Protein backbone atom coordinates (compact mmCIF):
# COMPACT_ATOMS: atom_id res chain seq x y z
CA MET A 1 -24.13 175.61 -150.78
CA TYR A 2 -25.70 173.30 -152.91
CA VAL A 3 -29.70 172.75 -152.65
CA ALA A 4 -31.33 169.42 -153.82
CA TYR A 5 -34.76 169.90 -153.36
CA PRO A 6 -37.68 166.83 -152.78
CA SER A 7 -38.45 164.80 -155.80
CA THR A 8 -41.29 165.85 -156.07
CA ALA A 9 -40.23 169.29 -156.86
CA GLY A 10 -38.94 168.07 -160.63
CA GLY A 11 -36.12 170.04 -161.42
CA PRO A 12 -31.93 169.01 -161.91
CA PRO A 13 -30.30 167.43 -159.29
CA GLU A 14 -28.72 170.19 -156.57
CA GLN A 15 -28.82 173.87 -157.85
CA LEU A 16 -26.35 176.50 -156.57
CA ARG A 17 -27.76 178.95 -153.91
CA GLY A 18 -24.74 180.56 -151.50
CA CYS A 19 -21.53 180.99 -152.57
CA GLU A 20 -18.67 182.39 -150.27
CA LYS A 21 -14.83 182.11 -151.10
CA ALA A 22 -12.64 181.10 -148.03
CA GLN A 23 -8.97 181.18 -148.60
CA LEU A 24 -7.05 179.11 -146.61
CA ALA A 25 -3.38 177.55 -146.01
CA VAL A 26 -2.51 173.83 -145.93
CA GLY A 27 -4.05 171.96 -142.72
CA ALA A 28 -6.02 175.32 -141.43
CA THR A 29 -9.98 175.55 -140.68
CA ARG A 30 -12.54 178.33 -140.74
CA HIS A 31 -16.11 178.80 -140.41
CA VAL A 32 -18.24 180.56 -142.81
CA VAL A 33 -21.57 181.75 -142.75
CA ILE A 34 -24.17 181.17 -145.92
CA GLU A 35 -27.51 182.85 -145.42
CA LEU A 36 -30.10 181.25 -147.53
CA PRO A 37 -33.15 183.25 -148.06
CA THR A 38 -36.40 181.72 -148.34
CA SER A 39 -36.20 181.63 -152.37
CA SER A 40 -33.35 179.08 -152.03
CA PHE A 41 -36.23 176.46 -151.30
CA THR A 42 -38.84 177.75 -154.01
CA TYR A 43 -39.29 176.36 -157.52
CA ALA A 44 -41.81 177.24 -160.19
CA GLY A 45 -44.85 175.40 -159.63
CA ALA A 46 -48.18 175.86 -161.98
CA HIS A 47 -48.77 179.65 -161.36
CA ALA A 48 -45.92 181.21 -159.13
CA MET A 49 -42.86 180.30 -157.22
CA GLU A 50 -44.03 177.63 -154.36
CA ILE A 51 -41.76 176.44 -151.26
CA ALA A 52 -41.37 172.69 -152.11
CA PRO A 53 -42.54 170.80 -149.33
CA GLY A 54 -40.42 167.58 -147.97
CA THR A 55 -36.73 166.73 -147.17
CA HIS A 56 -34.17 168.96 -148.87
CA THR A 57 -30.38 168.48 -148.67
CA LEU A 58 -28.05 171.57 -148.33
CA SER A 59 -24.33 170.45 -149.61
CA VAL A 60 -20.65 172.28 -149.65
CA GLY A 61 -18.13 171.78 -151.07
CA THR A 62 -15.80 172.77 -154.62
CA SER A 63 -17.97 172.00 -156.59
CA SER A 64 -21.25 170.07 -157.69
CA ALA A 65 -19.09 166.83 -158.36
CA ASN A 66 -17.37 167.54 -154.79
CA PHE A 67 -18.98 167.67 -151.98
CA VAL A 68 -17.55 167.79 -148.28
CA ALA A 69 -20.71 167.70 -145.95
CA SER A 70 -24.12 167.30 -146.33
CA GLN A 71 -27.45 168.28 -143.86
CA SER A 72 -30.99 167.04 -144.64
CA LEU A 73 -33.51 169.99 -144.00
CA ARG A 74 -37.14 169.16 -143.80
CA LEU A 75 -39.88 171.62 -144.89
CA LYS A 76 -43.10 171.31 -143.97
């Protein structure tokens, strides 16, 4: 799972923060759970790691160039 931080946090557009391998037959579906710890939403602040407030985008796909689903999450 990739996490895109709010623009105010700076840094790269997306960062890989969780991964789970799932093998599927053609046409099959499967539920996969990827747990993201609080540290998945932090960045290096001036003096310590900080949670970046604002809208984060969570995306899944085969790579950062091929997202198949995304969801926004707002942190205060």
